[in-house]
Amino acid sequence: MGDQTKNSAAETPEEKQNNHSNGNNFVSIKIKDDNYEIHRGSQSVKAIKLLGGVPIGYTLVLLDGDDVKPLPNDGKVTIKGGEVFDCVPPNGSNS
């Protein structure tokens, strides 16, 4: 899938167009090496996992330079664009 951009499954093309025309912004983020478009602003960790196909039992991590920040399933992330996420299998096992 590489650099292929994917749209949020939660919105139809019409909803996405309406959001753009209303001044709402979508930005690109990367989840597990794939690019996705998501609405800028506060997003739940669950929504980001769903968008990227990350299993709910895995831990979503935000990669910020040399920092790896684990995110709780019930947490939120402020999306500005350009964020890079990865996931860690349960118990630290390799996928």
PDB file of N, CA and C in Angstrom:
ATOM      1  N   MET A   1       0.808  -1.184   0.000  1.00  0.00           N
ATOM      2  CA  MET A   1       0.000   0.000   0.000  1.00  0.00           C
ATOM      3  C   MET A   1       0.855   1.254   0.000  1.00  0.00           C
ATOM      4  N   GLY A   2       2.028   1.237   0.603  1.00  0.00           N
ATOM      5  CA  GLY A   2       3.013   2.298   0.488  1.00  0.00           C
ATOM      6  C   GLY A   2       2.482   3.683   0.744  1.00  0.00           C
ATOM      7  N   ASP A   3       2.631   4.585  -0.265  1.00  0.00           N
ATOM      8  CA  ASP A   3       2.242   5.973  -0.097  1.00  0.00           C
ATOM      9  C   ASP A   3       0.808   6.249  -0.509  1.00  0.00           C
ATOM     10  N   GLN A   4       0.018   5.221  -0.704  1.00  0.00           N
ATOM     11  CA  GLN A   4      -1.373   5.395  -1.100  1.00  0.00           C
ATOM     12  C   GLN A   4      -2.139   6.086   0.027  1.00  0.00           C
ATOM     13  N   THR A   5      -2.874   7.139  -0.308  1.00  0.00           N
ATOM     14  CA  THR A   5      -3.657   7.865   0.690  1.00  0.00           C
ATOM     15  C   THR A   5      -5.040   7.248   0.786  1.00  0.00           C
ATOM     16  N   LYS A   6      -5.502   7.062   2.027  1.00  0.00           N
ATOM     17  CA  LYS A   6      -6.801   6.448   2.260  1.00  0.00           C
ATOM     18  C   LYS A   6      -7.705   7.438   2.953  1.00  0.00           C
ATOM     19  N   ASN A   7      -8.971   7.379   2.666  1.00  0.00           N
ATOM     20  CA  ASN A   7      -9.943   8.268   3.283  1.00  0.00           C
ATOM     21  C   ASN A   7     -10.537   7.616   4.513  1.00  0.00           C
ATOM     22  N   SER A   8     -11.001   8.437   5.435  1.00  0.00           N
ATOM     23  CA  SER A   8     -11.649   7.948   6.639  1.00  0.00           C
ATOM     24  C   SER A   8     -12.895   7.162   6.268  1.00  0.00           C
ATOM     25  N   ALA A   9     -13.022   5.972   6.841  1.00  0.00           N
ATOM     26  CA  ALA A   9     -14.194   5.143   6.579  1.00  0.00           C
ATOM     27  C   ALA A   9     -15.441   5.727   7.220  1.00  0.00           C
ATOM     28  N   ALA A  10     -15.258   6.674   8.129  1.00  0.00           N
ATOM     29  CA  ALA A  10     -16.391   7.230   8.855  1.00  0.00           C
ATOM     30  C   ALA A  10     -17.130   8.300   8.060  1.00  0.00           C
ATOM     31  N   GLU A  11     -16.591   8.734   6.917  1.00  0.00           N
ATOM     32  CA  GLU A  11     -17.219   9.802   6.156  1.00  0.00           C
ATOM     33  C   GLU A  11     -17.432   9.391   4.707  1.00  0.00           C
ATOM     34  N   THR A  12     -18.566   9.769   4.187  1.00  0.00           N
ATOM     35  CA  THR A  12     -18.827   9.559   2.771  1.00  0.00           C
ATOM     36  C   THR A  12     -18.131  10.661   1.988  1.00  0.00           C
ATOM     37  N   PRO A  13     -17.925  10.480   0.680  1.00  0.00           N
ATOM     38  CA  PRO A  13     -17.328  11.562  -0.117  1.00  0.00           C
ATOM     39  C   PRO A  13     -18.123  12.866  -0.028  1.00  0.00           C
ATOM     40  N   GLU A  14     -19.448  12.751   0.067  1.00  0.00           N
ATOM     41  CA  GLU A  14     -20.272  13.948   0.168  1.00  0.00           C
ATOM     42  C   GLU A  14     -20.033  14.679   1.492  1.00  0.00           C
ATOM     43  N   GLU A  15     -19.933  13.916   2.602  1.00  0.00           N
ATOM     44  CA  GLU A  15     -19.655  14.537   3.894  1.00  0.00           C
ATOM     45  C   GLU A  15     -18.289  15.204   3.886  1.00  0.00           C
ATOM     46  N   LYS A  16     -17.316  14.522   3.282  1.00  0.00           N
ATOM     47  CA  LYS A  16     -15.973  15.083   3.210  1.00  0.00           C
ATOM     48  C   LYS A  16     -15.995  16.393   2.419  1.00  0.00           C
ATOM     49  N   GLN A  17     -16.695  16.416   1.289  1.00  0.00           N
ATOM     50  CA  GLN A  17     -16.781  17.628   0.482  1.00  0.00           C
ATOM     51  C   GLN A  17     -17.475  18.736   1.254  1.00  0.00           C
ATOM     52  N   ASN A  18     -18.552  18.407   1.957  1.00  0.00           N
ATOM     53  CA  ASN A  18     -19.252  19.407   2.758  1.00  0.00           C
ATOM     54  C   ASN A  18     -18.354  19.976   3.848  1.00  0.00           C
ATOM     55  N   ASN A  19     -17.564  19.126   4.479  1.00  0.00           N
ATOM     56  CA  ASN A  19     -16.651  19.597   5.509  1.00  0.00           C
ATOM     57  C   ASN A  19     -15.607  20.531   4.930  1.00  0.00           C
ATOM     58  N   HIS A  20     -15.091  20.209   3.742  1.00  0.00           N
ATOM     59  CA  HIS A  20     -14.109  21.080   3.106  1.00  0.00           C
ATOM     60  C   HIS A  20     -14.745  22.436   2.776  1.00  0.00           C
ATOM     61  N   SER A  21     -15.960  22.420   2.248  1.00  0.00           N
ATOM     62  CA  SER A  21     -16.606  23.675   1.861  1.00  0.00           C
ATOM     63  C   SER A  21     -17.008  24.498   3.077  1.00  0.00           C
ATOM     64  N   ASN A  22     -17.139  23.856   4.236  1.00  0.00           N
ATOM     65  CA  ASN A  22     -17.458  24.586   5.458  1.00  0.00           C
ATOM     66  C   ASN A  22     -16.209  25.089   6.167  1.00  0.00           C
ATOM     67  N   GLY A  23     -15.046  24.942   5.541  1.00  0.00           N
ATOM     68  CA  GLY A  23     -13.819  25.449   6.121  1.00  0.00           C
ATOM     69  C   GLY A  23     -13.109  24.462   7.029  1.00  0.00           C
ATOM     70  N   ASN A  24     -13.620  23.235   7.196  1.00  0.00           N
ATOM     71  CA  ASN A  24     -12.932  22.236   8.002  1.00  0.00           C
ATOM     72  C   ASN A  24     -11.743  21.702   7.223  1.00  0.00           C
ATOM     73  N   ASN A  25     -10.693  21.366   7.931  1.00  0.00           N
ATOM     74  CA  ASN A  25      -9.469  20.933   7.270  1.00  0.00           C
ATOM     75  C   ASN A  25      -9.168  19.470   7.524  1.00  0.00           C
ATOM     76  N   PHE A  26      -8.759  18.792   6.474  1.00  0.00           N
ATOM     77  CA  PHE A  26      -8.239  17.445   6.587  1.00  0.00           C
ATOM     78  C   PHE A  26      -6.738  17.513   6.372  1.00  0.00           C
ATOM     79  N   VAL A  27      -6.021  16.697   7.097  1.00  0.00           N
ATOM     80  CA  VAL A  27      -4.576  16.664   6.995  1.00  0.00           C
ATOM     81  C   VAL A  27      -4.124  15.220   6.838  1.00  0.00           C
ATOM     82  N   SER A  28      -2.893  15.043   6.425  1.00  0.00           N
ATOM     83  CA  SER A  28      -2.332  13.699   6.259  1.00  0.00           C
ATOM     84  C   SER A  28      -1.567  13.288   7.507  1.00  0.00           C
ATOM     85  N   ILE A  29      -1.770  12.026   7.882  1.00  0.00           N
ATOM     86  CA  ILE A  29      -0.980  11.399   8.939  1.00  0.00           C
ATOM     87  C   ILE A  29      -0.500  10.062   8.398  1.00  0.00           C
ATOM     88  N   LYS A  30       0.459   9.466   9.065  1.00  0.00           N
ATOM     89  CA  LYS A  30       0.965   8.163   8.661  1.00  0.00           C
ATOM     90  C   LYS A  30       0.706   7.174   9.786  1.00  0.00           C
ATOM     91  N   ILE A  31       0.116   6.029   9.417  1.00  0.00           N
ATOM     92  CA  ILE A  31      -0.134   4.939  10.363  1.00  0.00           C
ATOM     93  C   ILE A  31       0.455   3.684   9.745  1.00  0.00           C
ATOM     94  N   LYS A  32       1.401   3.074  10.424  1.00  0.00           N
ATOM     95  CA  LYS A  32       2.044   1.846   9.936  1.00  0.00           C
ATOM     96  C   LYS A  32       2.523   1.994   8.480  1.00  0.00           C
ATOM     97  N   ASP A  33       3.208   3.058   8.169  1.00  0.00           N
ATOM     98  CA  ASP A  33       3.805   3.311   6.845  1.00  0.00           C
ATOM     99  C   ASP A  33       2.808   3.652   5.746  1.00  0.00           C
ATOM    100  N   ASP A  34       1.535   3.803   6.052  1.00  0.00           N
ATOM    101  CA  ASP A  34       0.537   4.202   5.053  1.00  0.00           C
ATOM    102  C   ASP A  34       0.003   5.595   5.404  1.00  0.00           C
ATOM    103  N   ASN A  35      -0.264   6.398   4.374  1.00  0.00           N
ATOM    104  CA  ASN A  35      -0.798   7.743   4.570  1.00  0.00           C
ATOM    105  C   ASN A  35      -2.321   7.717   4.598  1.00  0.00           C
ATOM    106  N   TYR A  36      -2.890   8.524   5.490  1.00  0.00           N
ATOM    107  CA  TYR A  36      -4.335   8.640   5.638  1.00  0.00           C
ATOM    108  C   TYR A  36      -4.699  10.110   5.782  1.00  0.00           C
ATOM    109  N   GLU A  37      -5.913  10.453   5.391  1.00  0.00           N
ATOM    110  CA  GLU A  37      -6.447  11.788   5.632  1.00  0.00           C
ATOM    111  C   GLU A  37      -7.388  11.720   6.821  1.00  0.00           C
ATOM    112  N   ILE A  38      -7.274  12.719   7.683  1.00  0.00           N
ATOM    113  CA  ILE A  38      -8.098  12.764   8.889  1.00  0.00           C
ATOM    114  C   ILE A  38      -8.368  14.229   9.215  1.00  0.00           C
ATOM    115  N   HIS A  39      -9.445  14.479   9.883  1.00  0.00           N
ATOM    116  CA  HIS A  39      -9.806  15.848  10.251  1.00  0.00           C
ATOM    117  C   HIS A  39      -8.818  16.383  11.283  1.00  0.00           C
ATOM    118  N   ARG A  40      -8.360  17.591  11.047  1.00  0.00           N
ATOM    119  CA  ARG A  40      -7.457  18.268  11.990  1.00  0.00           C
ATOM    120  C   ARG A  40      -8.199  18.505  13.310  1.00  0.00           C
ATOM    121  N   GLY A  41      -7.476  18.399  14.425  1.00  0.00           N
ATOM    122  CA  GLY A  41      -8.065  18.651  15.736  1.00  0.00           C
ATOM    123  C   GLY A  41      -8.019  17.410  16.606  1.00  0.00           C
ATOM    124  N   SER A  42      -8.827  17.400  17.634  1.00  0.00           N
ATOM    125  CA  SER A  42      -8.827  16.306  18.603  1.00  0.00           C
ATOM    126  C   SER A  42      -9.456  15.049  18.004  1.00  0.00           C
ATOM    127  N   GLN A  43      -8.713  13.954  18.071  1.00  0.00           N
ATOM    128  CA  GLN A  43      -9.194  12.659  17.572  1.00  0.00           C
ATOM    129  C   GLN A  43      -8.963  11.610  18.649  1.00  0.00           C
ATOM    130  N   SER A  44      -9.893  10.683  18.777  1.00  0.00           N
ATOM    131  CA  SER A  44      -9.713   9.608  19.749  1.00  0.00           C
ATOM    132  C   SER A  44      -8.700   8.603  19.215  1.00  0.00           C
ATOM    133  N   VAL A  45      -7.993   7.974  20.133  1.00  0.00           N
ATOM    134  CA  VAL A  45      -7.041   6.921  19.764  1.00  0.00           C
ATOM    135  C   VAL A  45      -7.790   5.795  19.052  1.00  0.00           C
ATOM    136  N   LYS A  46      -8.993   5.480  19.525  1.00  0.00           N
ATOM    137  CA  LYS A  46      -9.792   4.426  18.875  1.00  0.00           C
ATOM    138  C   LYS A  46     -10.077   4.763  17.420  1.00  0.00           C
ATOM    139  N   ALA A  47     -10.401   6.029  17.123  1.00  0.00           N
ATOM    140  CA  ALA A  47     -10.690   6.437  15.745  1.00  0.00           C
ATOM    141  C   ALA A  47      -9.448   6.320  14.860  1.00  0.00           C
ATOM    142  N   ILE A  48      -8.303   6.665  15.396  1.00  0.00           N
ATOM    143  CA  ILE A  48      -7.056   6.556  14.626  1.00  0.00           C
ATOM    144  C   ILE A  48      -6.733   5.090  14.365  1.00  0.00           C
ATOM    145  N   LYS A  49      -6.935   4.245  15.383  1.00  0.00           N
ATOM    146  CA  LYS A  49      -6.708   2.806  15.207  1.00  0.00           C
ATOM    147  C   LYS A  49      -7.638   2.245  14.129  1.00  0.00           C
ATOM    148  N   LEU A  50      -8.902   2.626  14.179  1.00  0.00           N
ATOM    149  CA  LEU A  50      -9.876   2.150  13.201  1.00  0.00           C
ATOM    150  C   LEU A  50      -9.472   2.581  11.795  1.00  0.00           C
ATOM    151  N   LEU A  51      -9.088   3.831  11.654  1.00  0.00           N
ATOM    152  CA  LEU A  51      -8.670   4.362  10.357  1.00  0.00           C
ATOM    153  C   LEU A  51      -7.496   3.575   9.789  1.00  0.00           C
ATOM    154  N   GLY A  52      -6.524   3.250  10.642  1.00  0.00           N
ATOM    155  CA  GLY A  52      -5.321   2.569  10.181  1.00  0.00           C
ATOM    156  C   GLY A  52      -5.380   1.056  10.234  1.00  0.00           C
ATOM    157  N   GLY A  53      -6.515   0.500  10.656  1.00  0.00           N
ATOM    158  CA  GLY A  53      -6.632  -0.962  10.719  1.00  0.00           C
ATOM    159  C   GLY A  53      -5.779  -1.580  11.817  1.00  0.00           C
ATOM    160  N   VAL A  54      -5.541  -0.824  12.889  1.00  0.00           N
ATOM    161  CA  VAL A  54      -4.747  -1.313  14.014  1.00  0.00           C
ATOM    162  C   VAL A  54      -5.664  -2.105  14.938  1.00  0.00           C
ATOM    163  N   PRO A  55      -5.326  -3.355  15.241  1.00  0.00           N
ATOM    164  CA  PRO A  55      -6.165  -4.153  16.148  1.00  0.00           C
ATOM    165  C   PRO A  55      -6.316  -3.454  17.499  1.00  0.00           C
ATOM    166  N   ILE A  56      -7.501  -3.536  18.085  1.00  0.00           N
ATOM    167  CA  ILE A  56      -7.802  -2.837  19.331  1.00  0.00           C
ATOM    168  C   ILE A  56      -6.893  -3.275  20.468  1.00  0.00           C
ATOM    169  N   GLY A  57      -6.404  -4.509  20.443  1.00  0.00           N
ATOM    170  CA  GLY A  57      -5.524  -5.016  21.494  1.00  0.00           C
ATOM    171  C   GLY A  57      -4.101  -4.496  21.403  1.00  0.00           C
ATOM    172  N   TYR A  58      -3.746  -3.897  20.275  1.00  0.00           N
ATOM    173  CA  TYR A  58      -2.404  -3.350  20.097  1.00  0.00           C
ATOM    174  C   TYR A  58      -2.345  -1.952  20.705  1.00  0.00           C
ATOM    175  N   THR A  59      -1.152  -1.514  21.059  1.00  0.00           N
ATOM    176  CA  THR A  59      -0.950  -0.163  21.568  1.00  0.00           C
ATOM    177  C   THR A  59      -0.529   0.735  20.417  1.00  0.00           C
ATOM    178  N   LEU A  60      -1.256   1.819  20.223  1.00  0.00           N
ATOM    179  CA  LEU A  60      -0.888   2.821  19.228  1.00  0.00           C
ATOM    180  C   LEU A  60       0.179   3.706  19.843  1.00  0.00           C
ATOM    181  N   VAL A  61       1.242   3.977  19.083  1.00  0.00           N
ATOM    182  CA  VAL A  61       2.308   4.843  19.564  1.00  0.00           C
ATOM    183  C   VAL A  61       2.488   5.999  18.603  1.00  0.00           C
ATOM    184  N   LEU A  62       2.764   7.163  19.163  1.00  0.00           N
ATOM    185  CA  LEU A  62       3.072   8.354  18.378  1.00  0.00           C
ATOM    186  C   LEU A  62       4.586   8.473  18.313  1.00  0.00           C
ATOM    187  N   LEU A  63       5.118   8.492  17.094  1.00  0.00           N
ATOM    188  CA  LEU A  63       6.557   8.633  16.894  1.00  0.00           C
ATOM    189  C   LEU A  63       6.850  10.114  16.707  1.00  0.00           C
ATOM    190  N   ASP A  64       7.616  10.670  17.621  1.00  0.00           N
ATOM    191  CA  ASP A  64       7.930  12.101  17.608  1.00  0.00           C
ATOM    192  C   ASP A  64       9.439  12.257  17.729  1.00  0.00           C
ATOM    193  N   GLY A  65      10.121  12.305  16.584  1.00  0.00           N
ATOM    194  CA  GLY A  65      11.579  12.337  16.601  1.00  0.00           C
ATOM    195  C   GLY A  65      12.103  11.040  17.176  1.00  0.00           C
ATOM    196  N   ASP A  66      12.893  11.154  18.241  1.00  0.00           N
ATOM    197  CA  ASP A  66      13.432   9.958  18.899  1.00  0.00           C
ATOM    198  C   ASP A  66      12.493   9.421  19.971  1.00  0.00           C
ATOM    199  N   ASP A  67      11.397  10.134  20.229  1.00  0.00           N
ATOM    200  CA  ASP A  67      10.454   9.716  21.270  1.00  0.00           C
ATOM    201  C   ASP A  67       9.391   8.784  20.707  1.00  0.00           C
ATOM    202  N   VAL A  68       9.060   7.768  21.487  1.00  0.00           N
ATOM    203  CA  VAL A  68       7.957   6.861  21.182  1.00  0.00           C
ATOM    204  C   VAL A  68       6.970   7.005  22.333  1.00  0.00           C
ATOM    205  N   LYS A  69       5.782   7.561  22.035  1.00  0.00           N
ATOM    206  CA  LYS A  69       4.799   7.847  23.072  1.00  0.00           C
ATOM    207  C   LYS A  69       3.619   6.896  22.955  1.00  0.00           C
ATOM    208  N   PRO A  70       3.509   5.896  23.864  1.00  0.00           N
ATOM    209  CA  PRO A  70       2.341   5.007  23.863  1.00  0.00           C
ATOM    210  C   PRO A  70       1.079   5.802  24.171  1.00  0.00           C
ATOM    211  N   LEU A  71       0.002   5.478  23.478  1.00  0.00           N
ATOM    212  CA  LEU A  71      -1.267   6.188  23.650  1.00  0.00           C
ATOM    213  C   LEU A  71      -2.326   5.239  24.213  1.00  0.00           C
ATOM    214  N   PRO A  72      -3.022   5.646  25.270  1.00  0.00           N
ATOM    215  CA  PRO A  72      -4.065   4.783  25.848  1.00  0.00           C
ATOM    216  C   PRO A  72      -5.277   4.698  24.922  1.00  0.00           C
ATOM    217  N   ASN A  73      -5.940   3.540  24.914  1.00  0.00           N
ATOM    218  CA  ASN A  73      -7.117   3.345  24.054  1.00  0.00           C
ATOM    219  C   ASN A  73      -8.197   4.388  24.289  1.00  0.00           C
ATOM    220  N   ASP A  74      -8.322   4.872  25.516  1.00  0.00           N
ATOM    221  CA  ASP A  74      -9.360   5.856  25.815  1.00  0.00           C
ATOM    222  C   ASP A  74      -8.841   7.296  25.722  1.00  0.00           C
ATOM    223  N   GLY A  75      -7.650   7.465  25.135  1.00  0.00           N
ATOM    224  CA  GLY A  75      -7.043   8.782  25.035  1.00  0.00           C
ATOM    225  C   GLY A  75      -7.448   9.539  23.780  1.00  0.00           C
ATOM    226  N   LYS A  76      -6.961  10.756  23.701  1.00  0.00           N
ATOM    227  CA  LYS A  76      -7.187  11.621  22.537  1.00  0.00           C
ATOM    228  C   LYS A  76      -5.862  12.200  22.100  1.00  0.00           C
ATOM    229  N   VAL A  77      -5.784  12.552  20.816  1.00  0.00           N
ATOM    230  CA  VAL A  77      -4.591  13.145  20.237  1.00  0.00           C
ATOM    231  C   VAL A  77      -5.026  14.376  19.453  1.00  0.00           C
ATOM    232  N   THR A  78      -4.283  15.471  19.588  1.00  0.00           N
ATOM    233  CA  THR A  78      -4.544  16.655  18.774  1.00  0.00           C
ATOM    234  C   THR A  78      -3.772  16.515  17.478  1.00  0.00           C
ATOM    235  N   ILE A  79      -4.499  16.377  16.381  1.00  0.00           N
ATOM    236  CA  ILE A  79      -3.904  16.174  15.062  1.00  0.00           C
ATOM    237  C   ILE A  79      -3.679  17.535  14.409  1.00  0.00           C
ATOM    238  N   LYS A  80      -2.447  17.769  14.002  1.00  0.00           N
ATOM    239  CA  LYS A  80      -2.095  19.003  13.298  1.00  0.00           C
ATOM    240  C   LYS A  80      -1.709  18.720  11.852  1.00  0.00           C
ATOM    241  N   GLY A  81      -1.350  17.462  11.587  1.00  0.00           N
ATOM    242  CA  GLY A  81      -0.884  17.051  10.265  1.00  0.00           C
ATOM    243  C   GLY A  81       0.563  16.633  10.355  1.00  0.00           C
ATOM    244  N   GLY A  82       0.891  15.551   9.666  1.00  0.00           N
ATOM    245  CA  GLY A  82       2.262  15.064   9.644  1.00  0.00           C
ATOM    246  C   GLY A  82       2.615  14.104  10.761  1.00  0.00           C
ATOM    247  N   GLU A  83       1.672  13.809  11.651  1.00  0.00           N
ATOM    248  CA  GLU A  83       1.962  12.871  12.738  1.00  0.00           C
ATOM    249  C   GLU A  83       2.240  11.482  12.159  1.00  0.00           C
ATOM    250  N   VAL A  84       3.112  10.755  12.851  1.00  0.00           N
ATOM    251  CA  VAL A  84       3.473   9.403  12.446  1.00  0.00           C
ATOM    252  C   VAL A  84       3.143   8.471  13.604  1.00  0.00           C
ATOM    253  N   PHE A  85       2.327   7.451  13.296  1.00  0.00           N
ATOM    254  CA  PHE A  85       1.912   6.480  14.297  1.00  0.00           C
ATOM    255  C   PHE A  85       2.377   5.090  13.890  1.00  0.00           C
ATOM    256  N   ASP A  86       2.625   4.264  14.889  1.00  0.00           N
ATOM    257  CA  ASP A  86       2.909   2.853  14.661  1.00  0.00           C
ATOM    258  C   ASP A  86       2.142   2.099  15.737  1.00  0.00           C
ATOM    259  N   CYS A  87       2.277   0.791  15.749  1.00  0.00           N
ATOM    260  CA  CYS A  87       1.585   0.009  16.777  1.00  0.00           C
ATOM    261  C   CYS A  87       2.499  -1.057  17.335  1.00  0.00           C
ATOM    262  N   VAL A  88       2.193  -1.445  18.552  1.00  0.00           N
ATOM    263  CA  VAL A  88       2.965  -2.446  19.256  1.00  0.00           C
ATOM    264  C   VAL A  88       2.000  -3.560  19.662  1.00  0.00           C
ATOM    265  N   PRO A  89       2.342  -4.804  19.296  1.00  0.00           N
ATOM    266  CA  PRO A  89       1.470  -5.926  19.665  1.00  0.00           C
ATOM    267  C   PRO A  89       1.356  -6.078  21.183  1.00  0.00           C
ATOM    268  N   PRO A  90       0.300  -6.737  21.629  1.00  0.00           N
ATOM    269  CA  PRO A  90       0.144  -6.980  23.073  1.00  0.00           C
ATOM    270  C   PRO A  90       1.351  -7.715  23.629  1.00  0.00           C
ATOM    271  N   ASN A  91       1.704  -7.425  24.888  1.00  0.00           N
ATOM    272  CA  ASN A  91       2.814  -8.071  25.571  1.00  0.00           C
ATOM    273  C   ASN A  91       4.153  -7.865  24.880  1.00  0.00           C
ATOM    274  N   GLY A  92       4.243  -6.890  23.991  1.00  0.00           N
ATOM    275  CA  GLY A  92       5.512  -6.589  23.336  1.00  0.00           C
ATOM    276  C   GLY A  92       5.980  -7.644  22.349  1.00  0.00           C
ATOM    277  N   SER A  93       5.104  -8.607  22.005  1.00  0.00           N
ATOM    278  CA  SER A  93       5.502  -9.644  21.060  1.00  0.00           C
ATOM    279  C   SER A  93       5.596  -9.065  19.664  1.00  0.00           C
ATOM    280  N   ASN A  94       6.353  -9.701  18.798  1.00  0.00           N
ATOM    281  CA  ASN A  94       6.480  -9.230  17.415  1.00  0.00           C
ATOM    282  C   ASN A  94       5.299  -9.698  16.601  1.00  0.00           C
ATOM    283  N   SER A  95       4.859  -8.835  15.679  1.00  0.00           N
ATOM    284  CA  SER A  95       3.709  -9.192  14.847  1.00  0.00           C
ATOM    285  C   SER A  95       4.112 -10.061  13.696  1.00  0.00           C
TER     286      SER A  95
END
